[in-house]
Amino acid sequence: MGAASLLATLSDIPAYLLAPAAIRRLGAERVVLIGVACQVVYFVGVGTVTLPWAVLLFQPLMGGMHGLLWAALQAIFVPLSAAGTEALMIGLLHTLMYGFGTGAGSFVE
């Protein structure tokens, strides 16, 4: 678990640094679509591996996807929020992604 988290976190860093350029070039909506496609590949890959170490092969994809997806979703949510409620919108986005998403995923498991 430690090595997997390290790989995901290390791949997050360049994704966050490159996210503004990707959003400017492709648009936030396309970056979200790319992020969701990467999630599908990640979840299918992790769900089908039989050797524990093979998960490490997918972790850089997870980290990069997370950094790009989170930045693109913020680029969409913040302009939609009323003045002074930007932090609230980011909090709602976080709740949807990590609260509701994790809760719904635990029912599937």
N, C-alpha and C. Protein backbone atom coordinates (compact mmCIF):
# COMPACT_ATOMS: atom_id res chain seq x y z
N MET A 1 0.82 -1.20 0.00
CA MET A 1 0.00 0.00 0.00
C MET A 1 0.86 1.26 0.00
N GLY A 2 1.98 1.22 0.73
CA GLY A 2 2.84 2.39 0.80
C GLY A 2 3.48 2.74 -0.54
N ALA A 3 3.97 1.71 -1.25
CA ALA A 3 4.59 1.95 -2.56
C ALA A 3 3.55 2.44 -3.56
N ALA A 4 2.34 1.89 -3.49
CA ALA A 4 1.28 2.31 -4.40
C ALA A 4 0.90 3.76 -4.16
N SER A 5 0.78 4.14 -2.89
CA SER A 5 0.46 5.54 -2.57
C SER A 5 1.58 6.48 -3.00
N LEU A 6 2.82 6.05 -2.81
CA LEU A 6 3.95 6.87 -3.22
C LEU A 6 3.94 7.10 -4.73
N LEU A 7 3.72 6.06 -5.51
CA LEU A 7 3.69 6.20 -6.97
C LEU A 7 2.55 7.12 -7.41
N ALA A 8 1.38 6.95 -6.80
CA ALA A 8 0.24 7.80 -7.17
C ALA A 8 0.52 9.26 -6.81
N THR A 9 1.10 9.49 -5.65
CA THR A 9 1.38 10.86 -5.23
C THR A 9 2.45 11.50 -6.09
N LEU A 10 3.49 10.75 -6.42
CA LEU A 10 4.55 11.31 -7.26
C LEU A 10 4.06 11.62 -8.67
N SER A 11 3.12 10.86 -9.17
CA SER A 11 2.58 11.17 -10.49
C SER A 11 1.54 12.28 -10.44
N ASP A 12 1.03 12.57 -9.26
CA ASP A 12 0.11 13.70 -9.08
C ASP A 12 0.82 15.03 -9.30
N ILE A 13 2.06 15.14 -8.87
CA ILE A 13 2.77 16.41 -8.90
C ILE A 13 2.89 16.97 -10.32
N PRO A 14 3.41 16.21 -11.29
CA PRO A 14 3.47 16.79 -12.65
C PRO A 14 2.08 17.03 -13.24
N ALA A 15 1.12 16.21 -12.85
CA ALA A 15 -0.24 16.41 -13.38
C ALA A 15 -0.80 17.75 -12.92
N TYR A 16 -0.60 18.08 -11.65
CA TYR A 16 -1.07 19.38 -11.15
C TYR A 16 -0.33 20.53 -11.82
N LEU A 17 0.97 20.34 -12.08
CA LEU A 17 1.74 21.40 -12.73
C LEU A 17 1.35 21.60 -14.19
N LEU A 18 0.99 20.52 -14.87
CA LEU A 18 0.62 20.60 -16.29
C LEU A 18 -0.87 20.87 -16.51
N ALA A 19 -1.66 20.77 -15.47
CA ALA A 19 -3.11 20.92 -15.61
C ALA A 19 -3.55 22.26 -16.22
N PRO A 20 -3.01 23.40 -15.78
CA PRO A 20 -3.46 24.65 -16.38
C PRO A 20 -3.23 24.71 -17.88
N ALA A 21 -2.08 24.22 -18.34
CA ALA A 21 -1.80 24.21 -19.78
C ALA A 21 -2.74 23.27 -20.51
N ALA A 22 -3.02 22.11 -19.93
CA ALA A 22 -3.94 21.15 -20.56
C ALA A 22 -5.35 21.72 -20.63
N ILE A 23 -5.77 22.41 -19.60
CA ILE A 23 -7.12 23.00 -19.59
C ILE A 23 -7.21 24.13 -20.61
N ARG A 24 -6.17 24.95 -20.71
CA ARG A 24 -6.18 26.02 -21.71
C ARG A 24 -6.20 25.45 -23.13
N ARG A 25 -5.43 24.40 -23.35
CA ARG A 25 -5.30 23.86 -24.71
C ARG A 25 -6.51 23.01 -25.12
N LEU A 26 -6.99 22.17 -24.22
CA LEU A 26 -8.06 21.24 -24.56
C LEU A 26 -9.44 21.67 -24.07
N GLY A 27 -9.47 22.49 -23.06
CA GLY A 27 -10.73 22.85 -22.43
C GLY A 27 -10.99 21.94 -21.24
N ALA A 28 -11.63 22.47 -20.22
CA ALA A 28 -11.86 21.71 -18.99
C ALA A 28 -12.73 20.48 -19.23
N GLU A 29 -13.72 20.61 -20.11
CA GLU A 29 -14.62 19.49 -20.36
C GLU A 29 -13.88 18.31 -20.97
N ARG A 30 -13.00 18.56 -21.92
CA ARG A 30 -12.23 17.47 -22.53
C ARG A 30 -11.27 16.85 -21.54
N VAL A 31 -10.68 17.66 -20.68
CA VAL A 31 -9.78 17.12 -19.67
C VAL A 31 -10.55 16.23 -18.71
N VAL A 32 -11.78 16.60 -18.37
CA VAL A 32 -12.61 15.74 -17.52
C VAL A 32 -12.89 14.42 -18.23
N LEU A 33 -13.21 14.47 -19.51
CA LEU A 33 -13.47 13.24 -20.26
C LEU A 33 -12.23 12.34 -20.30
N ILE A 34 -11.07 12.94 -20.50
CA ILE A 34 -9.82 12.17 -20.49
C ILE A 34 -9.60 11.55 -19.10
N GLY A 35 -9.87 12.32 -18.06
CA GLY A 35 -9.73 11.82 -16.70
C GLY A 35 -10.66 10.66 -16.40
N VAL A 36 -11.90 10.76 -16.86
CA VAL A 36 -12.86 9.67 -16.64
C VAL A 36 -12.44 8.43 -17.43
N ALA A 37 -11.95 8.62 -18.65
CA ALA A 37 -11.47 7.48 -19.44
C ALA A 37 -10.29 6.81 -18.74
N CYS A 38 -9.39 7.60 -18.17
CA CYS A 38 -8.27 7.04 -17.42
C CYS A 38 -8.76 6.28 -16.19
N GLN A 39 -9.81 6.78 -15.55
CA GLN A 39 -10.38 6.07 -14.40
C GLN A 39 -10.91 4.71 -14.81
N VAL A 40 -11.59 4.64 -15.95
CA VAL A 40 -12.11 3.37 -16.43
C VAL A 40 -10.97 2.38 -16.65
N VAL A 41 -9.91 2.83 -17.33
CA VAL A 41 -8.76 1.96 -17.57
C VAL A 41 -8.14 1.53 -16.24
N TYR A 42 -8.00 2.46 -15.31
CA TYR A 42 -7.42 2.14 -14.01
C TYR A 42 -8.25 1.11 -13.26
N PHE A 43 -9.56 1.36 -13.15
CA PHE A 43 -10.41 0.45 -12.37
C PHE A 43 -10.52 -0.93 -13.00
N VAL A 44 -10.60 -0.99 -14.32
CA VAL A 44 -10.62 -2.29 -14.99
C VAL A 44 -9.28 -3.00 -14.79
N GLY A 45 -8.20 -2.27 -14.93
CA GLY A 45 -6.88 -2.86 -14.75
C GLY A 45 -6.66 -3.38 -13.35
N VAL A 46 -6.96 -2.56 -12.36
CA VAL A 46 -6.77 -2.97 -10.96
C VAL A 46 -7.73 -4.11 -10.62
N GLY A 47 -8.92 -4.09 -11.19
CA GLY A 47 -9.89 -5.14 -10.91
C GLY A 47 -9.57 -6.48 -11.54
N THR A 48 -8.67 -6.49 -12.52
CA THR A 48 -8.38 -7.75 -13.20
C THR A 48 -7.00 -8.32 -12.89
N VAL A 49 -6.16 -7.59 -12.21
CA VAL A 49 -4.83 -8.13 -11.90
C VAL A 49 -4.94 -9.24 -10.86
N THR A 50 -4.05 -10.20 -10.96
CA THR A 50 -4.07 -11.31 -10.00
C THR A 50 -2.88 -11.28 -9.06
N LEU A 51 -1.85 -10.54 -9.42
CA LEU A 51 -0.68 -10.42 -8.56
C LEU A 51 -0.68 -9.05 -7.88
N PRO A 52 -0.49 -9.01 -6.57
CA PRO A 52 -0.56 -7.74 -5.85
C PRO A 52 0.38 -6.67 -6.39
N TRP A 53 1.59 -7.03 -6.78
CA TRP A 53 2.55 -6.03 -7.25
C TRP A 53 2.12 -5.42 -8.57
N ALA A 54 1.25 -6.08 -9.35
CA ALA A 54 0.82 -5.56 -10.64
C ALA A 54 0.01 -4.27 -10.49
N VAL A 55 -0.55 -4.05 -9.32
CA VAL A 55 -1.27 -2.80 -9.07
C VAL A 55 -0.35 -1.60 -9.23
N LEU A 56 0.94 -1.80 -8.93
CA LEU A 56 1.91 -0.71 -9.05
C LEU A 56 2.01 -0.20 -10.48
N LEU A 57 1.72 -1.03 -11.45
CA LEU A 57 1.77 -0.60 -12.85
C LEU A 57 0.70 0.43 -13.18
N PHE A 58 -0.41 0.39 -12.45
CA PHE A 58 -1.53 1.28 -12.73
C PHE A 58 -1.50 2.55 -11.88
N GLN A 59 -0.70 2.58 -10.83
CA GLN A 59 -0.70 3.73 -9.93
C GLN A 59 -0.29 5.05 -10.58
N PRO A 60 0.70 5.10 -11.47
CA PRO A 60 0.99 6.38 -12.12
C PRO A 60 -0.20 6.92 -12.92
N LEU A 61 -0.97 6.02 -13.52
CA LEU A 61 -2.18 6.45 -14.23
C LEU A 61 -3.18 7.06 -13.27
N MET A 62 -3.32 6.46 -12.10
CA MET A 62 -4.25 6.97 -11.09
C MET A 62 -3.84 8.36 -10.62
N GLY A 63 -2.56 8.53 -10.33
CA GLY A 63 -2.10 9.83 -9.85
C GLY A 63 -2.25 10.92 -10.89
N GLY A 64 -1.82 10.63 -12.12
CA GLY A 64 -1.95 11.62 -13.18
C GLY A 64 -3.39 11.97 -13.48
N MET A 65 -4.24 10.95 -13.48
CA MET A 65 -5.66 11.18 -13.74
C MET A 65 -6.26 12.03 -12.64
N HIS A 66 -5.91 11.74 -11.41
CA HIS A 66 -6.49 12.48 -10.29
C HIS A 66 -6.11 13.95 -10.35
N GLY A 67 -4.85 14.24 -10.63
CA GLY A 67 -4.41 15.63 -10.69
C GLY A 67 -5.10 16.41 -11.80
N LEU A 68 -5.18 15.83 -12.98
CA LEU A 68 -5.84 16.51 -14.10
C LEU A 68 -7.34 16.65 -13.87
N LEU A 69 -7.96 15.58 -13.39
CA LEU A 69 -9.41 15.59 -13.19
C LEU A 69 -9.81 16.60 -12.12
N TRP A 70 -9.10 16.62 -11.02
CA TRP A 70 -9.42 17.54 -9.93
C TRP A 70 -9.27 19.00 -10.37
N ALA A 71 -8.20 19.30 -11.09
CA ALA A 71 -7.99 20.67 -11.57
C ALA A 71 -9.04 21.08 -12.59
N ALA A 72 -9.41 20.17 -13.48
CA ALA A 72 -10.43 20.48 -14.50
C ALA A 72 -11.80 20.67 -13.86
N LEU A 73 -12.15 19.85 -12.89
CA LEU A 73 -13.44 20.02 -12.22
C LEU A 73 -13.51 21.33 -11.46
N GLN A 74 -12.39 21.74 -10.85
CA GLN A 74 -12.37 23.03 -10.18
C GLN A 74 -12.51 24.17 -11.19
N ALA A 75 -11.89 24.00 -12.36
CA ALA A 75 -12.01 25.03 -13.40
C ALA A 75 -13.44 25.16 -13.89
N ILE A 76 -14.22 24.11 -13.79
CA ILE A 76 -15.63 24.16 -14.18
C ILE A 76 -16.49 24.71 -13.05
N PHE A 77 -16.26 24.22 -11.82
CA PHE A 77 -17.11 24.57 -10.68
C PHE A 77 -16.94 26.02 -10.23
N VAL A 78 -15.71 26.52 -10.15
CA VAL A 78 -15.48 27.85 -9.58
C VAL A 78 -16.16 28.95 -10.38
N PRO A 79 -16.09 28.98 -11.72
CA PRO A 79 -16.80 30.05 -12.44
C PRO A 79 -18.33 29.98 -12.30
N LEU A 80 -18.85 28.80 -11.99
CA LEU A 80 -20.30 28.66 -11.82
C LEU A 80 -20.79 29.15 -10.46
N SER A 81 -19.87 29.33 -9.53
CA SER A 81 -20.27 29.71 -8.17
C SER A 81 -20.48 31.22 -8.07
N ALA A 82 -21.34 31.59 -7.15
CA ALA A 82 -21.57 33.01 -6.88
C ALA A 82 -20.36 33.58 -6.16
N ALA A 83 -20.20 34.88 -6.25
CA ALA A 83 -19.06 35.54 -5.60
C ALA A 83 -19.05 35.23 -4.11
N GLY A 84 -17.91 34.79 -3.63
CA GLY A 84 -17.76 34.50 -2.21
C GLY A 84 -18.11 33.06 -1.83
N THR A 85 -18.61 32.27 -2.77
CA THR A 85 -18.98 30.89 -2.46
C THR A 85 -18.07 29.87 -3.15
N GLU A 86 -16.93 30.32 -3.64
CA GLU A 86 -16.03 29.43 -4.36
C GLU A 86 -15.56 28.27 -3.48
N ALA A 87 -15.19 28.58 -2.24
CA ALA A 87 -14.72 27.53 -1.33
C ALA A 87 -15.84 26.53 -1.02
N LEU A 88 -17.06 27.01 -0.91
CA LEU A 88 -18.21 26.14 -0.68
C LEU A 88 -18.39 25.17 -1.86
N MET A 89 -18.25 25.69 -3.08
CA MET A 89 -18.39 24.84 -4.25
C MET A 89 -17.30 23.77 -4.30
N ILE A 90 -16.08 24.14 -3.95
CA ILE A 90 -14.99 23.17 -3.93
C ILE A 90 -15.27 22.13 -2.84
N GLY A 91 -15.81 22.56 -1.71
CA GLY A 91 -16.18 21.62 -0.65
C GLY A 91 -17.27 20.66 -1.09
N LEU A 92 -18.26 21.15 -1.83
CA LEU A 92 -19.31 20.28 -2.36
C LEU A 92 -18.74 19.30 -3.37
N LEU A 93 -17.84 19.77 -4.22
CA LEU A 93 -17.19 18.89 -5.19
C LEU A 93 -16.41 17.79 -4.46
N HIS A 94 -15.69 18.17 -3.43
CA HIS A 94 -14.93 17.20 -2.65
C HIS A 94 -15.86 16.18 -2.00
N THR A 95 -16.99 16.66 -1.47
CA THR A 95 -17.96 15.75 -0.86
C THR A 95 -18.53 14.78 -1.88
N LEU A 96 -18.83 15.28 -3.07
CA LEU A 96 -19.35 14.39 -4.11
C LEU A 96 -18.33 13.34 -4.51
N MET A 97 -17.08 13.76 -4.69
CA MET A 97 -16.05 12.83 -5.16
C MET A 97 -15.65 11.83 -4.09
N TYR A 98 -15.42 12.29 -2.88
CA TYR A 98 -14.86 11.41 -1.86
C TYR A 98 -15.89 10.89 -0.88
N GLY A 99 -16.91 11.64 -0.60
CA GLY A 99 -17.94 11.18 0.33
C GLY A 99 -18.94 10.28 -0.36
N PHE A 100 -19.68 10.83 -1.31
CA PHE A 100 -20.71 10.07 -2.00
C PHE A 100 -20.11 8.97 -2.87
N GLY A 101 -19.04 9.30 -3.59
CA GLY A 101 -18.42 8.31 -4.47
C GLY A 101 -17.87 7.12 -3.71
N THR A 102 -17.20 7.38 -2.61
CA THR A 102 -16.66 6.30 -1.79
C THR A 102 -17.78 5.50 -1.13
N GLY A 103 -18.80 6.20 -0.66
CA GLY A 103 -19.94 5.51 -0.05
C GLY A 103 -20.67 4.63 -1.03
N ALA A 104 -20.90 5.14 -2.25
CA ALA A 104 -21.58 4.33 -3.27
C ALA A 104 -20.71 3.15 -3.67
N GLY A 105 -19.42 3.36 -3.76
CA GLY A 105 -18.51 2.26 -4.09
C GLY A 105 -18.47 1.18 -3.04
N SER A 106 -18.65 1.54 -1.78
CA SER A 106 -18.63 0.52 -0.73
C SER A 106 -19.87 -0.37 -0.78
N PHE A 107 -20.97 0.14 -1.31
CA PHE A 107 -22.16 -0.70 -1.47
C PHE A 107 -21.97 -1.72 -2.58
N VAL A 108 -21.24 -1.34 -3.63
CA VAL A 108 -21.01 -2.23 -4.74
C VAL A 108 -20.11 -3.38 -4.33
N GLU A 109 -19.15 -3.06 -3.48
CA GLU A 109 -18.19 -4.07 -3.04
C GLU A 109 -18.91 -5.08 -2.23
